[in-house]
PDB file of N, CA and C in Angstrom:
ATOM      1  N   MET A   1       0.836  -1.175   0.000  1.00  0.00           N
ATOM      2  CA  MET A   1       0.000   0.000   0.000  1.00  0.00           C
ATOM      3  C   MET A   1       0.880   1.236   0.000  1.00  0.00           C
ATOM      4  N   LYS A   2       0.441   2.266  -0.708  1.00  0.00           N
ATOM      5  CA  LYS A   2       1.279   3.450  -0.860  1.00  0.00           C
ATOM      6  C   LYS A   2       0.551   4.711  -0.403  1.00  0.00           C
ATOM      7  N   ALA A   3       1.349   5.676   0.037  1.00  0.00           N
ATOM      8  CA  ALA A   3       0.883   7.026   0.335  1.00  0.00           C
ATOM      9  C   ALA A   3       1.778   7.968  -0.449  1.00  0.00           C
ATOM     10  N   LEU A   4       1.283   9.157  -0.746  1.00  0.00           N
ATOM     11  CA  LEU A   4       2.037  10.135  -1.518  1.00  0.00           C
ATOM     12  C   LEU A   4       2.498  11.256  -0.598  1.00  0.00           C
ATOM     13  N   ILE A   5       3.794  11.557  -0.640  1.00  0.00           N
ATOM     14  CA  ILE A   5       4.387  12.636   0.154  1.00  0.00           C
ATOM     15  C   ILE A   5       4.818  13.739  -0.803  1.00  0.00           C
ATOM     16  N   SER A   6       4.423  14.977  -0.502  1.00  0.00           N
ATOM     17  CA  SER A   6       4.844  16.134  -1.289  1.00  0.00           C
ATOM     18  C   SER A   6       5.405  17.185  -0.345  1.00  0.00           C
ATOM     19  N   VAL A   7       6.414  17.905  -0.811  1.00  0.00           N
ATOM     20  CA  VAL A   7       7.020  18.988  -0.031  1.00  0.00           C
ATOM     21  C   VAL A   7       7.083  20.219  -0.921  1.00  0.00           C
ATOM     22  N   PHE A   8       6.570  21.335  -0.418  1.00  0.00           N
ATOM     23  CA  PHE A   8       6.641  22.613  -1.114  1.00  0.00           C
ATOM     24  C   PHE A   8       7.177  23.642  -0.128  1.00  0.00           C
ATOM     25  N   GLY A   9       8.380  24.112  -0.352  1.00  0.00           N
ATOM     26  CA  GLY A   9       8.977  25.086   0.550  1.00  0.00           C
ATOM     27  C   GLY A   9      10.101  25.822  -0.133  1.00  0.00           C
ATOM     28  N   PRO A  10      10.698  26.763   0.593  1.00  0.00           N
ATOM     29  CA  PRO A  10      11.820  27.512   0.018  1.00  0.00           C
ATOM     30  C   PRO A  10      12.951  26.570  -0.380  1.00  0.00           C
ATOM     31  N   GLU A  11      13.302  26.595  -1.624  1.00  0.00           N
ATOM     32  CA  GLU A  11      14.406  25.803  -2.154  1.00  0.00           C
ATOM     33  C   GLU A  11      14.213  24.296  -2.014  1.00  0.00           C
ATOM     34  N   VAL A  12      13.016  23.857  -1.671  1.00  0.00           N
ATOM     35  CA  VAL A  12      12.756  22.426  -1.509  1.00  0.00           C
ATOM     36  C   VAL A  12      11.472  22.088  -2.250  1.00  0.00           C
ATOM     37  N   MET A  13      11.544  21.093  -3.102  1.00  0.00           N
ATOM     38  CA  MET A  13      10.351  20.570  -3.747  1.00  0.00           C
ATOM     39  C   MET A  13      10.580  19.086  -3.955  1.00  0.00           C
ATOM     40  N   LEU A  14       9.653  18.303  -3.494  1.00  0.00           N
ATOM     41  CA  LEU A  14       9.829  16.860  -3.523  1.00  0.00           C
ATOM     42  C   LEU A  14       8.466  16.206  -3.646  1.00  0.00           C
ATOM     43  N   LYS A  15       8.412  15.140  -4.380  1.00  0.00           N
ATOM     44  CA  LYS A  15       7.195  14.338  -4.467  1.00  0.00           C
ATOM     45  C   LYS A  15       7.625  12.890  -4.583  1.00  0.00           C
ATOM     46  N   GLN A  16       7.127  12.059  -3.685  1.00  0.00           N
ATOM     47  CA  GLN A  16       7.492  10.648  -3.745  1.00  0.00           C
ATOM     48  C   GLN A  16       6.402   9.787  -3.138  1.00  0.00           C
ATOM     49  N   GLU A  17       6.307   8.575  -3.620  1.00  0.00           N
ATOM     50  CA  GLU A  17       5.405   7.595  -3.031  1.00  0.00           C
ATOM     51  C   GLU A  17       6.182   6.800  -2.000  1.00  0.00           C
ATOM     52  N   VAL A  18       5.505   6.454  -0.918  1.00  0.00           N
ATOM     53  CA  VAL A  18       6.129   5.613   0.104  1.00  0.00           C
ATOM     54  C   VAL A  18       5.251   4.397   0.332  1.00  0.00           C
ATOM     55  N   ASP A  19       5.897   3.289   0.558  1.00  0.00           N
ATOM     56  CA  ASP A  19       5.174   2.062   0.869  1.00  0.00           C
ATOM     57  C   ASP A  19       4.881   2.014   2.359  1.00  0.00           C
ATOM     58  N   LEU A  20       3.657   1.690   2.687  1.00  0.00           N
ATOM     59  CA  LEU A  20       3.278   1.480   4.086  1.00  0.00           C
ATOM     60  C   LEU A  20       3.317  -0.017   4.342  1.00  0.00           C
ATOM     61  N   ASP A  21       3.967  -0.414   5.408  1.00  0.00           N
ATOM     62  CA  ASP A  21       4.099  -1.840   5.683  1.00  0.00           C
ATOM     63  C   ASP A  21       2.916  -2.401   6.479  1.00  0.00           C
ATOM     64  N   ARG A  22       1.968  -1.513   6.830  1.00  0.00           N
ATOM     65  CA  ARG A  22       0.763  -1.925   7.564  1.00  0.00           C
ATOM     66  C   ARG A  22      -0.436  -1.179   6.966  1.00  0.00           C
ATOM     67  N   PRO A  23      -1.651  -1.589   7.320  1.00  0.00           N
ATOM     68  CA  PRO A  23      -2.834  -0.888   6.797  1.00  0.00           C
ATOM     69  C   PRO A  23      -2.875   0.596   7.174  1.00  0.00           C
ATOM     70  N   SER A  24      -2.331   0.940   8.340  1.00  0.00           N
ATOM     71  CA  SER A  24      -2.218   2.341   8.735  1.00  0.00           C
ATOM     72  C   SER A  24      -1.003   2.496   9.637  1.00  0.00           C
ATOM     73  N   VAL A  25      -0.480   3.718   9.681  1.00  0.00           N
ATOM     74  CA  VAL A  25       0.701   4.006  10.482  1.00  0.00           C
ATOM     75  C   VAL A  25       0.572   5.440  10.993  1.00  0.00           C
ATOM     76  N   PRO A  26       0.943   5.707  12.256  1.00  0.00           N
ATOM     77  CA  PRO A  26       0.905   7.085  12.742  1.00  0.00           C
ATOM     78  C   PRO A  26       1.876   7.971  11.959  1.00  0.00           C
ATOM     79  N   LEU A  27       1.492   9.206  11.739  1.00  0.00           N
ATOM     80  CA  LEU A  27       2.314  10.152  10.999  1.00  0.00           C
ATOM     81  C   LEU A  27       3.721  10.238  11.575  1.00  0.00           C
ATOM     82  N   LYS A  28       3.858  10.241  12.900  1.00  0.00           N
ATOM     83  CA  LYS A  28       5.194  10.370  13.496  1.00  0.00           C
ATOM     84  C   LYS A  28       6.091   9.196  13.103  1.00  0.00           C
ATOM     85  N   GLU A  29       5.540   7.990  12.966  1.00  0.00           N
ATOM     86  CA  GLU A  29       6.342   6.838  12.531  1.00  0.00           C
ATOM     87  C   GLU A  29       6.753   6.983  11.071  1.00  0.00           C
ATOM     88  N   LEU A  30       5.840   7.464  10.248  1.00  0.00           N
ATOM     89  CA  LEU A  30       6.154   7.668   8.839  1.00  0.00           C
ATOM     90  C   LEU A  30       7.266   8.700   8.692  1.00  0.00           C
ATOM     91  N   ILE A  31       7.190   9.786   9.449  1.00  0.00           N
ATOM     92  CA  ILE A  31       8.217  10.831   9.393  1.00  0.00           C
ATOM     93  C   ILE A  31       9.557  10.288   9.872  1.00  0.00           C
ATOM     94  N   ARG A  32       9.546   9.526  10.939  1.00  0.00           N
ATOM     95  CA  ARG A  32      10.789   8.926  11.452  1.00  0.00           C
ATOM     96  C   ARG A  32      11.422   8.040  10.380  1.00  0.00           C
ATOM     97  N   SER A  33      10.610   7.272   9.690  1.00  0.00           N
ATOM     98  CA  SER A  33      11.099   6.392   8.632  1.00  0.00           C
ATOM     99  C   SER A  33      11.666   7.198   7.462  1.00  0.00           C
ATOM    100  N   LEU A  34      10.977   8.271   7.072  1.00  0.00           N
ATOM    101  CA  LEU A  34      11.467   9.122   5.987  1.00  0.00           C
ATOM    102  C   LEU A  34      12.814   9.740   6.339  1.00  0.00           C
ATOM    103  N   ALA A  35      12.941  10.227   7.560  1.00  0.00           N
ATOM    104  CA  ALA A  35      14.185  10.872   7.994  1.00  0.00           C
ATOM    105  C   ALA A  35      15.349   9.881   7.988  1.00  0.00           C
ATOM    106  N   LYS A  36      15.093   8.642   8.399  1.00  0.00           N
ATOM    107  CA  LYS A  36      16.157   7.636   8.451  1.00  0.00           C
ATOM    108  C   LYS A  36      16.659   7.243   7.070  1.00  0.00           C
ATOM    109  N   ARG A  37      15.739   7.065   6.139  1.00  0.00           N
ATOM    110  CA  ARG A  37      16.155   6.583   4.823  1.00  0.00           C
ATOM    111  C   ARG A  37      16.341   7.701   3.806  1.00  0.00           C
ATOM    112  N   GLY A  38      16.102   8.957   4.225  1.00  0.00           N
ATOM    113  CA  GLY A  38      16.162  10.080   3.310  1.00  0.00           C
ATOM    114  C   GLY A  38      17.548  10.575   2.992  1.00  0.00           C
ATOM    115  N   GLU A  39      18.562  10.148   3.728  1.00  0.00           N
ATOM    116  CA  GLU A  39      19.955  10.506   3.468  1.00  0.00           C
ATOM    117  C   GLU A  39      20.144  12.004   3.265  1.00  0.00           C
ATOM    118  N   GLY A  40      19.596  12.799   4.171  1.00  0.00           N
ATOM    119  CA  GLY A  40      19.842  14.231   4.157  1.00  0.00           C
ATOM    120  C   GLY A  40      18.842  15.080   3.406  1.00  0.00           C
ATOM    121  N   LYS A  41      18.051  14.482   2.521  1.00  0.00           N
ATOM    122  CA  LYS A  41      17.149  15.328   1.745  1.00  0.00           C
ATOM    123  C   LYS A  41      15.981  15.863   2.567  1.00  0.00           C
ATOM    124  N   TRP A  42      15.746  15.320   3.742  1.00  0.00           N
ATOM    125  CA  TRP A  42      14.675  15.791   4.613  1.00  0.00           C
ATOM    126  C   TRP A  42      15.170  16.780   5.666  1.00  0.00           C
ATOM    127  N   ASP A  43      16.462  17.069   5.707  1.00  0.00           N
ATOM    128  CA  ASP A  43      17.025  17.926   6.748  1.00  0.00           C
ATOM    129  C   ASP A  43      16.375  19.298   6.849  1.00  0.00           C
ATOM    130  N   ARG A  44      15.957  19.863   5.736  1.00  0.00           N
ATOM    131  CA  ARG A  44      15.342  21.193   5.762  1.00  0.00           C
ATOM    132  C   ARG A  44      13.872  21.150   6.165  1.00  0.00           C
ATOM    133  N   VAL A  45      13.285  19.980   6.156  1.00  0.00           N
ATOM    134  CA  VAL A  45      11.856  19.842   6.396  1.00  0.00           C
ATOM    135  C   VAL A  45      11.559  19.232   7.765  1.00  0.00           C
ATOM    136  N   ILE A  46      12.399  18.294   8.194  1.00  0.00           N
ATOM    137  CA  ILE A  46      12.182  17.570   9.449  1.00  0.00           C
ATOM    138  C   ILE A  46      13.355  17.809  10.390  1.00  0.00           C
ATOM    139  N   ARG A  47      13.042  18.191  11.623  1.00  0.00           N
ATOM    140  CA  ARG A  47      14.081  18.392  12.639  1.00  0.00           C
ATOM    141  C   ARG A  47      14.588  17.046  13.148  1.00  0.00           C
ATOM    142  N   GLU A  48      15.670  17.104  13.923  1.00  0.00           N
ATOM    143  CA  GLU A  48      16.240  15.868  14.486  1.00  0.00           C
ATOM    144  C   GLU A  48      15.261  15.137  15.388  1.00  0.00           C
ATOM    145  N   ASP A  49      14.342  15.883  16.041  1.00  0.00           N
ATOM    146  CA  ASP A  49      13.354  15.236  16.922  1.00  0.00           C
ATOM    147  C   ASP A  49      12.118  14.755  16.148  1.00  0.00           C
ATOM    148  N   HIS A  50      12.235  14.749  14.824  1.00  0.00           N
ATOM    149  CA  HIS A  50      11.195  14.263  13.904  1.00  0.00           C
ATOM    150  C   HIS A  50       9.920  15.088  13.937  1.00  0.00           C
ATOM    151  N   THR A  51      10.035  16.364  14.215  1.00  0.00           N
ATOM    152  CA  THR A  51       8.922  17.292  14.095  1.00  0.00           C
ATOM    153  C   THR A  51       9.178  18.162  12.868  1.00  0.00           C
ATOM    154  N   PRO A  52       8.148  18.801  12.336  1.00  0.00           N
ATOM    155  CA  PRO A  52       8.365  19.641  11.150  1.00  0.00           C
ATOM    156  C   PRO A  52       9.277  20.821  11.460  1.00  0.00           C
ATOM    157  N   ALA A  53      10.118  21.171  10.519  1.00  0.00           N
ATOM    158  CA  ALA A  53      10.992  22.333  10.667  1.00  0.00           C
ATOM    159  C   ALA A  53      10.135  23.588  10.793  1.00  0.00           C
ATOM    160  N   GLU A  54      10.739  24.626  11.351  1.00  0.00           N
ATOM    161  CA  GLU A  54      10.033  25.881  11.571  1.00  0.00           C
ATOM    162  C   GLU A  54       9.372  26.354  10.279  1.00  0.00           C
ATOM    163  N   ALA A  55       8.165  26.853  10.401  1.00  0.00           N
ATOM    164  CA  ALA A  55       7.361  27.406   9.313  1.00  0.00           C
ATOM    165  C   ALA A  55       6.634  26.340   8.497  1.00  0.00           C
ATOM    166  N   TYR A  56       6.997  25.073   8.596  1.00  0.00           N
ATOM    167  CA  TYR A  56       6.306  24.037   7.831  1.00  0.00           C
ATOM    168  C   TYR A  56       5.041  23.589   8.544  1.00  0.00           C
ATOM    169  N   GLN A  57       4.022  23.376   7.769  1.00  0.00           N
ATOM    170  CA  GLN A  57       2.767  22.802   8.226  1.00  0.00           C
ATOM    171  C   GLN A  57       2.598  21.473   7.504  1.00  0.00           C
ATOM    172  N   ILE A  58       1.885  20.556   8.130  1.00  0.00           N
ATOM    173  CA  ILE A  58       1.638  19.262   7.497  1.00  0.00           C
ATOM    174  C   ILE A  58       0.139  19.127   7.254  1.00  0.00           C
ATOM    175  N   LEU A  59      -0.188  18.794   6.010  1.00  0.00           N
ATOM    176  CA  LEU A  59      -1.572  18.559   5.625  1.00  0.00           C
ATOM    177  C   LEU A  59      -1.726  17.093   5.244  1.00  0.00           C
ATOM    178  N   VAL A  60      -2.805  16.483   5.696  1.00  0.00           N
ATOM    179  CA  VAL A  60      -3.136  15.115   5.302  1.00  0.00           C
ATOM    180  C   VAL A  60      -4.465  15.189   4.577  1.00  0.00           C
ATOM    181  N   ASN A  61      -4.428  14.838   3.312  1.00  0.00           N
ATOM    182  CA  ASN A  61      -5.624  14.930   2.467  1.00  0.00           C
ATOM    183  C   ASN A  61      -6.246  16.322   2.533  1.00  0.00           C
ATOM    184  N   GLY A  62      -5.392  17.346   2.560  1.00  0.00           N
ATOM    185  CA  GLY A  62      -5.853  18.722   2.540  1.00  0.00           C
ATOM    186  C   GLY A  62      -6.207  19.318   3.886  1.00  0.00           C
ATOM    187  N   ARG A  63      -6.136  18.548   4.956  1.00  0.00           N
ATOM    188  CA  ARG A  63      -6.465  19.047   6.296  1.00  0.00           C
ATOM    189  C   ARG A  63      -5.198  19.187   7.125  1.00  0.00           C
ATOM    190  N   ASN A  64      -5.085  20.308   7.828  1.00  0.00           N
ATOM    191  CA  ASN A  64      -3.948  20.531   8.709  1.00  0.00           C
ATOM    192  C   ASN A  64      -4.012  19.532   9.858  1.00  0.00           C
ATOM    193  N   ILE A  65      -2.881  18.893  10.168  1.00  0.00           N
ATOM    194  CA  ILE A  65      -2.880  17.889  11.235  1.00  0.00           C
ATOM    195  C   ILE A  65      -3.230  18.501  12.587  1.00  0.00           C
ATOM    196  N   LYS A  66      -3.113  19.827  12.720  1.00  0.00           N
ATOM    197  CA  LYS A  66      -3.486  20.486  13.980  1.00  0.00           C
ATOM    198  C   LYS A  66      -4.987  20.362  14.236  1.00  0.00           C
ATOM    199  N   SER A  67      -5.773  20.166  13.181  1.00  0.00           N
ATOM    200  CA  SER A  67      -7.218  19.983  13.350  1.00  0.00           C
ATOM    201  C   SER A  67      -7.587  18.500  13.398  1.00  0.00           C
ATOM    202  N   MET A  68      -6.557  17.658  13.399  1.00  0.00           N
ATOM    203  CA  MET A  68      -6.762  16.214  13.458  1.00  0.00           C
ATOM    204  C   MET A  68      -6.140  15.716  14.770  1.00  0.00           C
ATOM    205  N   GLN A  69      -5.372  14.657  14.721  1.00  0.00           N
ATOM    206  CA  GLN A  69      -4.711  14.121  15.913  1.00  0.00           C
ATOM    207  C   GLN A  69      -3.229  14.479  15.950  1.00  0.00           C
ATOM    208  N   GLY A  70      -2.849  15.537  15.275  1.00  0.00           N
ATOM    209  CA  GLY A  70      -1.454  15.967  15.281  1.00  0.00           C
ATOM    210  C   GLY A  70      -0.553  14.884  14.719  1.00  0.00           C
ATOM    211  N   MET A  71       0.576  14.665  15.376  1.00  0.00           N
ATOM    212  CA  MET A  71       1.546  13.674  14.910  1.00  0.00           C
ATOM    213  C   MET A  71       1.042  12.235  15.087  1.00  0.00           C
ATOM    214  N   GLU A  72      -0.053  12.066  15.801  1.00  0.00           N
ATOM    215  CA  GLU A  72      -0.656  10.734  15.980  1.00  0.00           C
ATOM    216  C   GLU A  72      -1.667  10.416  14.877  1.00  0.00           C
ATOM    217  N   THR A  73      -1.889  11.340  13.948  1.00  0.00           N
ATOM    218  CA  THR A  73      -2.826  11.125  12.847  1.00  0.00           C
ATOM    219  C   THR A  73      -2.447   9.857  12.092  1.00  0.00           C
ATOM    220  N   GLU A  74      -3.406   8.983  11.894  1.00  0.00           N
ATOM    221  CA  GLU A  74      -3.164   7.728  11.183  1.00  0.00           C
ATOM    222  C   GLU A  74      -3.120   7.973   9.675  1.00  0.00           C
ATOM    223  N   ILE A  75      -2.094   7.443   9.044  1.00  0.00           N
ATOM    224  CA  ILE A  75      -1.917   7.540   7.601  1.00  0.00           C
ATOM    225  C   ILE A  75      -2.294   6.194   6.990  1.00  0.00           C
ATOM    226  N   HIS A  76      -3.127   6.253   5.956  1.00  0.00           N
ATOM    227  CA  HIS A  76      -3.609   5.042   5.289  1.00  0.00           C
ATOM    228  C   HIS A  76      -3.174   5.040   3.831  1.00  0.00           C
ATOM    229  N   ALA A  77      -3.272   3.887   3.199  1.00  0.00           N
ATOM    230  CA  ALA A  77      -2.961   3.777   1.778  1.00  0.00           C
ATOM    231  C   ALA A  77      -3.812   4.772   1.003  1.00  0.00           C
ATOM    232  N   GLY A  78      -3.189   5.450   0.051  1.00  0.00           N
ATOM    233  CA  GLY A  78      -3.892   6.417  -0.772  1.00  0.00           C
ATOM    234  C   GLY A  78      -3.913   7.824  -0.211  1.00  0.00           C
ATOM    235  N   ASP A  79      -3.486   8.004   1.040  1.00  0.00           N
ATOM    236  CA  ASP A  79      -3.456   9.340   1.628  1.00  0.00           C
ATOM    237  C   ASP A  79      -2.376  10.190   0.974  1.00  0.00           C
ATOM    238  N   GLU A  80      -2.604  11.500   0.967  1.00  0.00           N
ATOM    239  CA  GLU A  80      -1.605  12.438   0.481  1.00  0.00           C
ATOM    240  C   GLU A  80      -1.166  13.306   1.646  1.00  0.00           C
ATOM    241  N   ILE A  81       0.133  13.297   1.912  1.00  0.00           N
ATOM    242  CA  ILE A  81       0.721  14.077   2.987  1.00  0.00           C
ATOM    243  C   ILE A  81       1.527  15.196   2.341  1.00  0.00           C
ATOM    244  N   VAL A  82       1.239  16.440   2.723  1.00  0.00           N
ATOM    245  CA  VAL A  82       1.906  17.585   2.138  1.00  0.00           C
ATOM    246  C   VAL A  82       2.590  18.388   3.255  1.00  0.00           C
ATOM    247  N   PHE A  83       3.889  18.620   3.077  1.00  0.00           N
ATOM    248  CA  PHE A  83       4.657  19.516   3.932  1.00  0.00           C
ATOM    249  C   PHE A  83       4.729  20.827   3.175  1.00  0.00           C
ATOM    250  N   THR A  84       4.245  21.914   3.770  1.00  0.00           N
ATOM    251  CA  THR A  84       4.234  23.177   3.045  1.00  0.00           C
ATOM    252  C   THR A  84       4.476  24.353   3.977  1.00  0.00           C
ATOM    253  N   VAL A  85       4.942  25.425   3.417  1.00  0.00           N
ATOM    254  CA  VAL A  85       5.091  26.675   4.141  1.00  0.00           C
ATOM    255  C   VAL A  85       3.896  27.513   3.760  1.00  0.00           C
ATOM    256  N   LEU A  86       3.060  27.816   4.763  1.00  0.00           N
ATOM    257  CA  LEU A  86       1.876  28.618   4.498  1.00  0.00           C
ATOM    258  C   LEU A  86       2.259  30.092   4.541  1.00  0.00           C
ATOM    259  N   LEU A  87       1.835  30.811   3.522  1.00  0.00           N
ATOM    260  CA  LEU A  87       2.143  32.230   3.418  1.00  0.00           C
ATOM    261  C   LEU A  87       0.868  33.035   3.543  1.00  0.00           C
ATOM    262  N   SER A  88       1.021  34.218   4.094  1.00  0.00           N
ATOM    263  CA  SER A  88      -0.109  35.141   4.136  1.00  0.00           C
ATOM    264  C   SER A  88       0.431  36.543   3.913  1.00  0.00           C
ATOM    265  N   GLY A  89      -0.427  37.387   3.584  1.00  0.00           N
ATOM    266  CA  GLY A  89       0.012  38.757   3.346  1.00  0.00           C
ATOM    267  C   GLY A  89      -1.157  39.626   2.922  1.00  0.00           C
ATOM    268  N   GLY A  90      -0.832  40.810   2.598  1.00  0.00           N
ATOM    269  CA  GLY A  90      -1.919  41.718   2.244  1.00  0.00           C
ATOM    270  C   GLY A  90      -1.596  42.519   1.023  1.00  0.00           C
TER     271      GLY A  90
END
């Protein structure tokens, strides 16, 4: 089963599919796995404690994880996880 990960940020753009080894996995486990096998490409997006880097927000299927279960949000096959820097202005 696969989930799609996308990153949109300053000087960072990435899109990749990841295999889930179970029917669902908590977001924090998925992030930990990405950081371990990412060989440095996640350094700008994920901190050493496996939380999003400053200014990044995480969306799962278009919803901010802050309105869900945060890092405990369950990720399922077919889900789209987006790391993005939200901008506002006038």
